[in-house]
Amino acid sequence: MLLITPGREQAIENIRLAASEGRFNDKTEPFDPQWEPEALKADILNYVSKLNTIGFKIKNLAARTIVDYWIKRYSDGINEIVGMEKLESIKGAAFVTSNHFNPFDNGIHRTMARKAGHGRLSAISQGTNFVMPGLNGFILRNIDVIPIIGEPSYMNGQFRALMQKYLDLKRFILIYPEQEMWFNYRKPRPQKRGAFLFAAEYGVPVIPTFVEMIDLPALSAPNFHDVKLVLHILDPIFPDPTKSVRDNSFAMCQADYQAKKACYESCYGKPLTYNFEPSDIAGWIGR
């Protein structure tokens, strides 16, 4: 079961338009919070300053408990993970990449990290998620996330300190190279290079994953079938010590995208193209 929020038909229309214009990393959610950069920076700095407080730890426990309940209630026995054996060579930290299609699509990655013996998953999340209202916003703010914003002093300071902290703990860090979420969009999109630049700089592997979505008979909302997730763990990609950080980042990014493309084509039995069709949106009873 995946979260169905208001405005889905508008989001799908935004996806159709963005895909037709080749804007694969643009926002398509109609109700994403809009925040002034300086106000957002202040909110993020305030958030980071409280990460070691008792209050935050209580909220973190509450958020993890809610998500664990959702996973057990709606995912156990339905969703599936394929390729766990590919993680046996990963003894330390790693960056995990994935296609991004739902605010809580990382639940299956959290299960993967636990099963692999890496404990809690950390995830890099857009700063605007931290000002989202309601229960969804509470969870997105408080469940082992590293906020990312386009502010150089923060990115070179607090952001890197947080990332280093979790790498030292040998955690998996999930990052979405597609940048923005596209609701239930089945296809892997062209990727930004940041995740692979981090991996090359810190000398840690990237674990590409691709989440296949299978429509189920039951409806989870009007015009939407429920969806089963199958997490495919692909071959880890290691930085080449003979290459520069820059060259590694380009090579790793390309290898990651090609792995996701091949997985998509294998899962859905057709070549990857970006011509929009209703079946691109998992679960949608398209018109």
C-alpha atoms as a PDB file:
ATOM      1  CA  MET A   1       0.000   0.000   0.000  1.00  0.00           C
ATOM      2  CA  LEU A   2       1.318   3.453  -0.937  1.00  0.00           C
ATOM      3  CA  LEU A   3       0.229   6.826   0.320  1.00  0.00           C
ATOM      4  CA  ILE A   4      -2.383   8.484  -1.912  1.00  0.00           C
ATOM      5  CA  THR A   5      -2.485  12.234  -1.231  1.00  0.00           C
ATOM      6  CA  PRO A   6      -4.836  14.846  -2.745  1.00  0.00           C
ATOM      7  CA  GLY A   7      -4.207  16.230  -6.213  1.00  0.00           C
ATOM      8  CA  ARG A   8      -3.173  12.965  -7.878  1.00  0.00           C
ATOM      9  CA  GLU A   9      -4.817  13.719 -11.234  1.00  0.00           C
ATOM     10  CA  GLN A  10      -3.056  17.087 -11.355  1.00  0.00           C
ATOM     11  CA  ALA A  11       0.252  15.474 -10.388  1.00  0.00           C
ATOM     12  CA  ILE A  12      -0.134  12.946 -13.214  1.00  0.00           C
ATOM     13  CA  GLU A  13      -0.887  15.714 -15.702  1.00  0.00           C
ATOM     14  CA  ASN A  14       2.202  17.584 -14.481  1.00  0.00           C
ATOM     15  CA  ILE A  15       4.264  14.406 -14.985  1.00  0.00           C
ATOM     16  CA  ARG A  16       2.894  13.951 -18.502  1.00  0.00           C
ATOM     17  CA  LEU A  17       3.779  17.519 -19.423  1.00  0.00           C
ATOM     18  CA  ALA A  18       7.243  17.434 -17.810  1.00  0.00           C
ATOM     19  CA  ALA A  19       8.091  14.121 -19.528  1.00  0.00           C
ATOM     20  CA  SER A  20       6.969  15.456 -22.908  1.00  0.00           C
ATOM     21  CA  GLU A  21       9.286  18.460 -22.448  1.00  0.00           C
ATOM     22  CA  GLY A  22      12.250  16.439 -21.123  1.00  0.00           C
ATOM     23  CA  ARG A  23      12.115  18.044 -17.647  1.00  0.00           C
ATOM     24  CA  PHE A  24      12.770  14.831 -15.713  1.00  0.00           C
ATOM     25  CA  ASN A  25      14.043  16.415 -12.490  1.00  0.00           C
ATOM     26  CA  ASP A  26      11.330  19.051 -12.050  1.00  0.00           C
ATOM     27  CA  LYS A  27       8.736  19.192  -9.284  1.00  0.00           C
ATOM     28  CA  THR A  28       5.339  17.790 -10.267  1.00  0.00           C
ATOM     29  CA  GLU A  29       3.518  17.754  -6.924  1.00  0.00           C
ATOM     30  CA  PRO A  30       0.747  20.386  -6.922  1.00  0.00           C
ATOM     31  CA  PHE A  31       0.814  21.045  -3.171  1.00  0.00           C
ATOM     32  CA  ASP A  32       4.535  21.049  -2.350  1.00  0.00           C
ATOM     33  CA  PRO A  33       5.325  23.667   0.319  1.00  0.00           C
ATOM     34  CA  GLN A  34       6.666  26.971  -1.010  1.00  0.00           C
ATOM     35  CA  TRP A  35       9.267  28.573   1.254  1.00  0.00           C
ATOM     36  CA  GLU A  36      11.569  31.556   0.951  1.00  0.00           C
ATOM     37  CA  PRO A  37      15.231  30.395   0.810  1.00  0.00           C
ATOM     38  CA  GLU A  38      16.337  32.391   3.865  1.00  0.00           C
ATOM     39  CA  ALA A  39      13.369  31.194   5.931  1.00  0.00           C
ATOM     40  CA  LEU A  40      13.985  27.614   4.829  1.00  0.00           C
ATOM     41  CA  LYS A  41      17.665  27.858   5.733  1.00  0.00           C
ATOM     42  CA  ALA A  42      16.753  29.170   9.203  1.00  0.00           C
ATOM     43  CA  ASP A  43      14.291  26.305   9.727  1.00  0.00           C
ATOM     44  CA  ILE A  44      16.852  23.715   8.627  1.00  0.00           C
ATOM     45  CA  LEU A  45      19.592  25.147  10.855  1.00  0.00           C
ATOM     46  CA  ASN A  46      17.152  25.115  13.772  1.00  0.00           C
ATOM     47  CA  TYR A  47      16.294  21.490  12.985  1.00  0.00           C
ATOM     48  CA  VAL A  48      19.951  20.418  12.807  1.00  0.00           C
ATOM     49  CA  SER A  49      20.746  22.175  16.088  1.00  0.00           C
ATOM     50  CA  LYS A  50      18.194  19.985  17.899  1.00  0.00           C
ATOM     51  CA  LEU A  51      19.251  16.572  16.556  1.00  0.00           C
ATOM     52  CA  ASN A  52      21.045  15.600  19.774  1.00  0.00           C
ATOM     53  CA  THR A  53      18.306  16.756  22.147  1.00  0.00           C
ATOM     54  CA  ILE A  54      16.035  14.470  24.136  1.00  0.00           C
ATOM     55  CA  GLY A  55      13.015  16.070  22.463  1.00  0.00           C
ATOM     56  CA  PHE A  56      14.220  15.136  19.000  1.00  0.00           C
ATOM     57  CA  LYS A  57      15.118  11.600  20.060  1.00  0.00           C
ATOM     58  CA  ILE A  58      11.579  11.108  21.380  1.00  0.00           C
ATOM     59  CA  LYS A  59      10.127  12.391  18.090  1.00  0.00           C
ATOM     60  CA  ASN A  60      12.530  10.191  16.126  1.00  0.00           C
ATOM     61  CA  LEU A  61      11.408   7.120  18.065  1.00  0.00           C
ATOM     62  CA  ALA A  62       7.759   8.047  17.482  1.00  0.00           C
ATOM     63  CA  ALA A  63       8.293   8.528  13.723  1.00  0.00           C
ATOM     64  CA  ARG A  64      10.170   5.226  13.402  1.00  0.00           C
ATOM     65  CA  THR A  65       7.452   3.434  15.366  1.00  0.00           C
ATOM     66  CA  ILE A  66       4.737   4.779  13.050  1.00  0.00           C
ATOM     67  CA  VAL A  67       6.656   3.794   9.908  1.00  0.00           C
ATOM     68  CA  ASP A  68       7.510   0.354  11.309  1.00  0.00           C
ATOM     69  CA  TYR A  69       3.802  -0.151  12.040  1.00  0.00           C
ATOM     70  CA  TRP A  70       2.877   0.863   8.492  1.00  0.00           C
ATOM     71  CA  ILE A  71       5.477  -1.512   7.067  1.00  0.00           C
ATOM     72  CA  LYS A  72       4.235  -4.418   9.190  1.00  0.00           C
ATOM     73  CA  ARG A  73       0.549  -3.597   8.670  1.00  0.00           C
ATOM     74  CA  TYR A  74       0.581  -2.914   4.935  1.00  0.00           C
ATOM     75  CA  SER A  75       3.810  -4.324   3.465  1.00  0.00           C
ATOM     76  CA  ASP A  76       4.817  -7.552   5.215  1.00  0.00           C
ATOM     77  CA  GLY A  77       3.799 -10.484   3.033  1.00  0.00           C
ATOM     78  CA  ILE A  78       3.075  -8.194   0.060  1.00  0.00           C
ATOM     79  CA  ASN A  79       6.248  -6.321  -0.868  1.00  0.00           C
ATOM     80  CA  GLU A  80       9.367  -8.228  -1.883  1.00  0.00           C
ATOM     81  CA  ILE A  81      13.148  -7.703  -1.909  1.00  0.00           C
ATOM     82  CA  VAL A  82      15.255  -9.401  -4.591  1.00  0.00           C
ATOM     83  CA  GLY A  83      19.056  -9.614  -4.567  1.00  0.00           C
ATOM     84  CA  MET A  84      19.975  -9.422  -0.865  1.00  0.00           C
ATOM     85  CA  GLU A  85      23.031 -11.558  -1.626  1.00  0.00           C
ATOM     86  CA  LYS A  86      24.528  -8.612  -3.533  1.00  0.00           C
ATOM     87  CA  LEU A  87      24.984  -6.779  -0.227  1.00  0.00           C
ATOM     88  CA  GLU A  88      27.269  -9.427   1.280  1.00  0.00           C
ATOM     89  CA  SER A  89      30.375  -7.639  -0.008  1.00  0.00           C
ATOM     90  CA  ILE A  90      29.354  -4.335   1.616  1.00  0.00           C
ATOM     91  CA  LYS A  91      30.834  -4.313   5.105  1.00  0.00           C
ATOM     92  CA  GLY A  92      30.883  -0.576   5.730  1.00  0.00           C
ATOM     93  CA  ALA A  93      28.860   2.457   4.706  1.00  0.00           C
ATOM     94  CA  ALA A  94      27.374   2.912   1.250  1.00  0.00           C
ATOM     95  CA  PHE A  95      25.104   5.242  -0.662  1.00  0.00           C
ATOM     96  CA  VAL A  96      21.877   3.634  -1.868  1.00  0.00           C
ATOM     97  CA  THR A  97      20.161   5.075  -4.941  1.00  0.00           C
ATOM     98  CA  SER A  98      16.590   4.479  -6.048  1.00  0.00           C
ATOM     99  CA  ASN A  99      13.781   5.716  -8.231  1.00  0.00           C
ATOM    100  CA  HIS A 100      11.523   8.093  -6.256  1.00  0.00           C
ATOM    101  CA  PHE A 101       7.742   7.834  -6.569  1.00  0.00           C
ATOM    102  CA  ASN A 102       6.135   8.255  -3.133  1.00  0.00           C
ATOM    103  CA  PRO A 103       6.905  10.184   0.078  1.00  0.00           C
ATOM    104  CA  PHE A 104       7.303   6.881   1.930  1.00  0.00           C
ATOM    105  CA  ASP A 105       8.770   4.670  -0.772  1.00  0.00           C
ATOM    106  CA  ASN A 106      11.904   4.307   1.381  1.00  0.00           C
ATOM    107  CA  GLY A 107      10.119   1.986   3.800  1.00  0.00           C
ATOM    108  CA  ILE A 108      11.256  -1.013   1.767  1.00  0.00           C
ATOM    109  CA  HIS A 109      14.835   0.322   1.804  1.00  0.00           C
ATOM    110  CA  ARG A 110      14.682   0.554   5.592  1.00  0.00           C
ATOM    111  CA  THR A 111      13.719  -3.126   5.657  1.00  0.00           C
ATOM    112  CA  MET A 112      16.630  -3.881   3.305  1.00  0.00           C
ATOM    113  CA  ALA A 113      19.132  -2.077   5.541  1.00  0.00           C
ATOM    114  CA  ARG A 114      17.977  -3.946   8.646  1.00  0.00           C
ATOM    115  CA  LYS A 115      18.096  -7.321   6.899  1.00  0.00           C
ATOM    116  CA  ALA A 116      21.615  -6.552   5.683  1.00  0.00           C
ATOM    117  CA  GLY A 117      22.751  -5.880   9.251  1.00  0.00           C
ATOM    118  CA  HIS A 118      23.285  -2.139   8.760  1.00  0.00           C
ATOM    119  CA  GLY A 119      20.619  -1.045  11.217  1.00  0.00           C
ATOM    120  CA  ARG A 120      18.768   2.195  10.640  1.00  0.00           C
ATOM    121  CA  LEU A 121      18.776   3.723   7.172  1.00  0.00           C
ATOM    122  CA  SER A 122      19.591   7.408   6.810  1.00  0.00           C
ATOM    123  CA  ALA A 123      18.041   9.318   3.914  1.00  0.00           C
ATOM    124  CA  ILE A 124      18.903  12.610   2.240  1.00  0.00           C
ATOM    125  CA  SER A 125      15.717  14.652   1.868  1.00  0.00           C
ATOM    126  CA  GLN A 126      14.738  17.925   0.210  1.00  0.00           C
ATOM    127  CA  GLY A 127      14.556  20.807   2.670  1.00  0.00           C
ATOM    128  CA  THR A 128      10.936  21.638   1.818  1.00  0.00           C
ATOM    129  CA  ASN A 129       9.912  18.265   3.283  1.00  0.00           C
ATOM    130  CA  PHE A 130      10.840  19.697   6.674  1.00  0.00           C
ATOM    131  CA  VAL A 131       8.134  22.342   6.531  1.00  0.00           C
ATOM    132  CA  MET A 132       5.365  20.017   5.326  1.00  0.00           C
ATOM    133  CA  PRO A 133       2.330  20.104   7.652  1.00  0.00           C
ATOM    134  CA  GLY A 134       0.488  17.253   9.340  1.00  0.00           C
ATOM    135  CA  LEU A 135       1.494  13.685  10.157  1.00  0.00           C
ATOM    136  CA  ASN A 136       3.368  13.241   6.882  1.00  0.00           C
ATOM    137  CA  GLY A 137       5.508  16.272   7.666  1.00  0.00           C
ATOM    138  CA  PHE A 138       6.146  15.046  11.208  1.00  0.00           C
ATOM    139  CA  ILE A 139       7.468  11.724   9.892  1.00  0.00           C
ATOM    140  CA  LEU A 140       9.544  13.249   7.099  1.00  0.00           C
ATOM    141  CA  ARG A 141      11.194  15.626   9.598  1.00  0.00           C
ATOM    142  CA  ASN A 142      11.968  13.084  12.251  1.00  0.00           C
ATOM    143  CA  ILE A 143      12.946   9.751  10.714  1.00  0.00           C
ATOM    144  CA  ASP A 144      16.739   9.680  10.310  1.00  0.00           C
ATOM    145  CA  VAL A 145      16.955  12.190   7.481  1.00  0.00           C
ATOM    146  CA  ILE A 146      19.648  14.603   6.320  1.00  0.00           C
ATOM    147  CA  PRO A 147      18.119  17.814   4.909  1.00  0.00           C
ATOM    148  CA  ILE A 148      19.558  19.147   1.666  1.00  0.00           C
ATOM    149  CA  ILE A 149      19.135  22.741   0.460  1.00  0.00           C
ATOM    150  CA  GLY A 150      20.838  24.863  -2.168  1.00  0.00           C
ATOM    151  CA  GLU A 151      22.847  26.931   0.304  1.00  0.00           C
ATOM    152  CA  PRO A 152      26.669  26.588   0.035  1.00  0.00           C
ATOM    153  CA  SER A 153      27.609  27.370   3.637  1.00  0.00           C
ATOM    154  CA  TYR A 154      25.144  24.786   4.947  1.00  0.00           C
ATOM    155  CA  MET A 155      26.117  22.170   2.340  1.00  0.00           C
ATOM    156  CA  ASN A 156      29.822  22.557   3.115  1.00  0.00           C
ATOM    157  CA  GLY A 157      29.232  22.684   6.861  1.00  0.00           C
ATOM    158  CA  GLN A 158      26.364  21.039   8.713  1.00  0.00           C
ATOM    159  CA  PHE A 159      25.301  18.844   5.783  1.00  0.00           C
ATOM    160  CA  ARG A 160      28.717  17.251   5.337  1.00  0.00           C
ATOM    161  CA  ALA A 161      29.152  16.852   9.090  1.00  0.00           C
ATOM    162  CA  LEU A 162      25.883  14.918   9.297  1.00  0.00           C
ATOM    163  CA  MET A 163      26.774  12.778   6.308  1.00  0.00           C
ATOM    164  CA  GLN A 164      30.203  11.993   7.789  1.00  0.00           C
ATOM    165  CA  LYS A 165      28.562  11.047  11.100  1.00  0.00           C
ATOM    166  CA  TYR A 166      26.335   8.430   9.464  1.00  0.00           C
ATOM    167  CA  LEU A 167      29.113   7.127   7.217  1.00  0.00           C
ATOM    168  CA  ASP A 168      31.251   6.631  10.340  1.00  0.00           C
ATOM    169  CA  LEU A 169      28.376   4.599  11.810  1.00  0.00           C
ATOM    170  CA  LYS A 170      28.571   2.357   8.690  1.00  0.00           C
ATOM    171  CA  ARG A 171      25.013   3.174   7.742  1.00  0.00           C
ATOM    172  CA  PHE A 172      23.443   2.998   4.341  1.00  0.00           C
ATOM    173  CA  ILE A 173      22.518   6.507   3.169  1.00  0.00           C
ATOM    174  CA  LEU A 174      19.639   6.662   0.695  1.00  0.00           C
ATOM    175  CA  ILE A 175      19.700   9.430  -1.898  1.00  0.00           C
ATOM    176  CA  TYR A 176      17.411   9.969  -4.882  1.00  0.00           C
ATOM    177  CA  PRO A 177      19.466  11.044  -7.922  1.00  0.00           C
ATOM    178  CA  GLU A 178      16.234  11.821  -9.805  1.00  0.00           C
ATOM    179  CA  GLN A 179      15.912  14.694  -7.299  1.00  0.00           C
ATOM    180  CA  GLU A 180      12.120  15.117  -7.232  1.00  0.00           C
ATOM    181  CA  MET A 181       9.355  12.620  -6.529  1.00  0.00           C
ATOM    182  CA  TRP A 182       7.094  11.668  -9.452  1.00  0.00           C
ATOM    183  CA  PHE A 183       3.975   9.971  -8.126  1.00  0.00           C
ATOM    184  CA  ASN A 184       3.927   6.212  -8.906  1.00  0.00           C
ATOM    185  CA  TYR A 185       6.030   6.807 -12.047  1.00  0.00           C
ATOM    186  CA  ARG A 186       7.399   3.446 -13.124  1.00  0.00           C
ATOM    187  CA  LYS A 187      10.315   4.553 -15.297  1.00  0.00           C
ATOM    188  CA  PRO A 188      13.835   5.361 -14.088  1.00  0.00           C
ATOM    189  CA  ARG A 189      14.611   8.983 -14.948  1.00  0.00           C
ATOM    190  CA  PRO A 190      17.878  10.696 -15.943  1.00  0.00           C
ATOM    191  CA  GLN A 191      19.879  11.385 -12.807  1.00  0.00           C
ATOM    192  CA  LYS A 192      21.776  14.183 -11.126  1.00  0.00           C
ATOM    193  CA  ARG A 193      25.433  13.543 -10.267  1.00  0.00           C
ATOM    194  CA  GLY A 194      25.479  14.563  -6.583  1.00  0.00           C
ATOM    195  CA  ALA A 195      25.096  11.086  -5.056  1.00  0.00           C
ATOM    196  CA  PHE A 196      27.997   9.773  -7.111  1.00  0.00           C
ATOM    197  CA  LEU A 197      30.161  12.797  -6.363  1.00  0.00           C
ATOM    198  CA  PHE A 198      29.691  12.111  -2.646  1.00  0.00           C
ATOM    199  CA  ALA A 199      30.500   8.415  -3.127  1.00  0.00           C
ATOM    200  CA  ALA A 200      33.660   9.234  -5.085  1.00  0.00           C
ATOM    201  CA  GLU A 201      34.796  11.859  -2.551  1.00  0.00           C
ATOM    202  CA  TYR A 202      34.272   9.593   0.462  1.00  0.00           C
ATOM    203  CA  GLY A 203      35.504   6.459  -1.293  1.00  0.00           C
ATOM    204  CA  VAL A 204      32.408   4.366  -0.586  1.00  0.00           C
ATOM    205  CA  PRO A 205      30.318   2.212  -2.931  1.00  0.00           C
ATOM    206  CA  VAL A 206      26.950   2.980  -4.449  1.00  0.00           C
ATOM    207  CA  ILE A 207      24.215   0.360  -4.243  1.00  0.00           C
ATOM    208  CA  PRO A 208      21.804   0.926  -7.143  1.00  0.00           C
ATOM    209  CA  THR A 209      18.255  -0.239  -6.510  1.00  0.00           C
ATOM    210  CA  PHE A 210      15.144  -0.165  -8.642  1.00  0.00           C
ATOM    211  CA  VAL A 211      11.617  -0.505  -7.302  1.00  0.00           C
ATOM    212  CA  GLU A 212       9.233  -2.360  -9.606  1.00  0.00           C
ATOM    213  CA  MET A 213       5.531  -1.635  -9.070  1.00  0.00           C
ATOM    214  CA  ILE A 214       2.874  -4.268  -9.717  1.00  0.00           C
ATOM    215  CA  ASP A 215      -0.829  -3.379  -9.775  1.00  0.00           C
ATOM    216  CA  LEU A 216      -3.019  -5.410  -7.419  1.00  0.00           C
ATOM    217  CA  PRO A 217      -6.755  -6.070  -7.841  1.00  0.00           C
ATOM    218  CA  ALA A 218      -7.878  -4.098  -4.762  1.00  0.00           C
ATOM    219  CA  LEU A 219      -8.493  -0.350  -4.906  1.00  0.00           C
ATOM    220  CA  SER A 220      -6.653   1.851  -2.419  1.00  0.00           C
ATOM    221  CA  ALA A 221      -8.458   5.031  -3.538  1.00  0.00           C
ATOM    222  CA  PRO A 222     -10.926   5.966  -6.304  1.00  0.00           C
ATOM    223  CA  ASN A 223      -9.243   5.413  -9.697  1.00  0.00           C
ATOM    224  CA  PHE A 224      -6.199   3.776  -8.089  1.00  0.00           C
ATOM    225  CA  HIS A 225      -5.391   0.134  -7.563  1.00  0.00           C
ATOM    226  CA  ASP A 226      -3.212  -0.885  -4.663  1.00  0.00           C
ATOM    227  CA  VAL A 227       0.399  -1.535  -5.660  1.00  0.00           C
ATOM    228  CA  LYS A 228       2.932  -4.197  -4.709  1.00  0.00           C
ATOM    229  CA  LEU A 229       6.585  -3.111  -4.536  1.00  0.00           C
ATOM    230  CA  VAL A 230       9.500  -5.305  -5.567  1.00  0.00           C
ATOM    231  CA  LEU A 231      12.870  -3.854  -4.578  1.00  0.00           C
ATOM    232  CA  HIS A 232      15.595  -5.046  -6.955  1.00  0.00           C
ATOM    233  CA  ILE A 233      19.102  -4.720  -5.480  1.00  0.00           C
ATOM    234  CA  LEU A 234      21.536  -4.304  -8.369  1.00  0.00           C
ATOM    235  CA  ASP A 235      25.302  -4.840  -8.520  1.00  0.00           C
ATOM    236  CA  PRO A 236      27.203  -2.408  -6.253  1.00  0.00           C
ATOM    237  CA  ILE A 237      29.349   0.194  -8.003  1.00  0.00           C
ATOM    238  CA  PHE A 238      32.744   0.982  -6.481  1.00  0.00           C
ATOM    239  CA  PRO A 239      34.869   4.073  -7.124  1.00  0.00           C
ATOM    240  CA  ASP A 240      37.870   3.387  -9.356  1.00  0.00           C
ATOM    241  CA  PRO A 241      41.023   4.394  -7.420  1.00  0.00           C
ATOM    242  CA  THR A 242      42.798   5.216 -10.686  1.00  0.00           C
ATOM    243  CA  LYS A 243      40.226   7.884 -11.622  1.00  0.00           C
ATOM    244  CA  SER A 244      39.688  11.392 -10.323  1.00  0.00           C
ATOM    245  CA  VAL A 245      36.672  12.202  -8.171  1.00  0.00           C
ATOM    246  CA  ARG A 246      35.086  14.010 -11.113  1.00  0.00           C
ATOM    247  CA  ASP A 247      35.640  11.165 -13.585  1.00  0.00           C
ATOM    248  CA  ASN A 248      34.444   8.616 -11.052  1.00  0.00           C
ATOM    249  CA  SER A 249      31.246  10.565 -10.430  1.00  0.00           C
ATOM    250  CA  PHE A 250      30.356  10.643 -14.129  1.00  0.00           C
ATOM    251  CA  ALA A 251      31.240   6.965 -14.654  1.00  0.00           C
ATOM    252  CA  MET A 252      29.320   5.815 -11.559  1.00  0.00           C
ATOM    253  CA  CYS A 253      26.288   7.914 -12.466  1.00  0.00           C
ATOM    254  CA  GLN A 254      26.160   6.423 -15.949  1.00  0.00           C
ATOM    255  CA  ALA A 255      26.655   2.869 -14.663  1.00  0.00           C
ATOM    256  CA  ASP A 256      23.876   3.364 -12.106  1.00  0.00           C
ATOM    257  CA  TYR A 257      21.421   4.683 -14.696  1.00  0.00           C
ATOM    258  CA  GLN A 258      22.210   1.861 -17.130  1.00  0.00           C
ATOM    259  CA  ALA A 259      21.642  -0.713 -14.383  1.00  0.00           C
ATOM    260  CA  LYS A 260      18.234   0.786 -13.550  1.00  0.00           C
ATOM    261  CA  LYS A 261      17.338   0.977 -17.251  1.00  0.00           C
ATOM    262  CA  ALA A 262      18.198  -2.697 -17.770  1.00  0.00           C
ATOM    263  CA  CYS A 263      16.197  -3.657 -14.687  1.00  0.00           C
ATOM    264  CA  TYR A 264      13.174  -1.662 -15.878  1.00  0.00           C
ATOM    265  CA  GLU A 265      13.292  -3.344 -19.288  1.00  0.00           C
ATOM    266  CA  SER A 266      13.586  -6.775 -17.684  1.00  0.00           C
ATOM    267  CA  CYS A 267      10.750  -6.156 -15.201  1.00  0.00           C
ATOM    268  CA  TYR A 268       8.274  -4.676 -17.651  1.00  0.00           C
ATOM    269  CA  GLY A 269       9.347  -6.520 -20.800  1.00  0.00           C
ATOM    270  CA  LYS A 270       9.720  -3.468 -23.032  1.00  0.00           C
ATOM    271  CA  PRO A 271      12.386  -0.910 -23.954  1.00  0.00           C
ATOM    272  CA  LEU A 272      12.641   2.264 -21.901  1.00  0.00           C
ATOM    273  CA  THR A 273      11.254   5.266 -23.740  1.00  0.00           C
ATOM    274  CA  TYR A 274       9.884   8.481 -22.311  1.00  0.00           C
ATOM    275  CA  ASN A 275       6.732   8.708 -24.395  1.00  0.00           C
ATOM    276  CA  PHE A 276       4.047   9.082 -21.727  1.00  0.00           C
ATOM    277  CA  GLU A 277       1.256   6.519 -21.478  1.00  0.00           C
ATOM    278  CA  PRO A 278      -1.232   5.825 -18.651  1.00  0.00           C
ATOM    279  CA  SER A 279       0.552   2.596 -17.670  1.00  0.00           C
ATOM    280  CA  ASP A 280       3.580   4.715 -16.661  1.00  0.00           C
ATOM    281  CA  ILE A 281       1.653   5.503 -13.441  1.00  0.00           C
ATOM    282  CA  ALA A 282       1.402   2.409 -11.284  1.00  0.00           C
ATOM    283  CA  GLY A 283      -2.091   1.612 -10.054  1.00  0.00           C
ATOM    284  CA  TRP A 284      -3.795   4.374 -12.020  1.00  0.00           C
ATOM    285  CA  ILE A 285      -6.995   3.597 -13.854  1.00  0.00           C
ATOM    286  CA  GLY A 286      -6.017   6.110 -16.541  1.00  0.00           C
ATOM    287  CA  ARG A 287      -8.434   7.802 -18.866  1.00  0.00           C
END
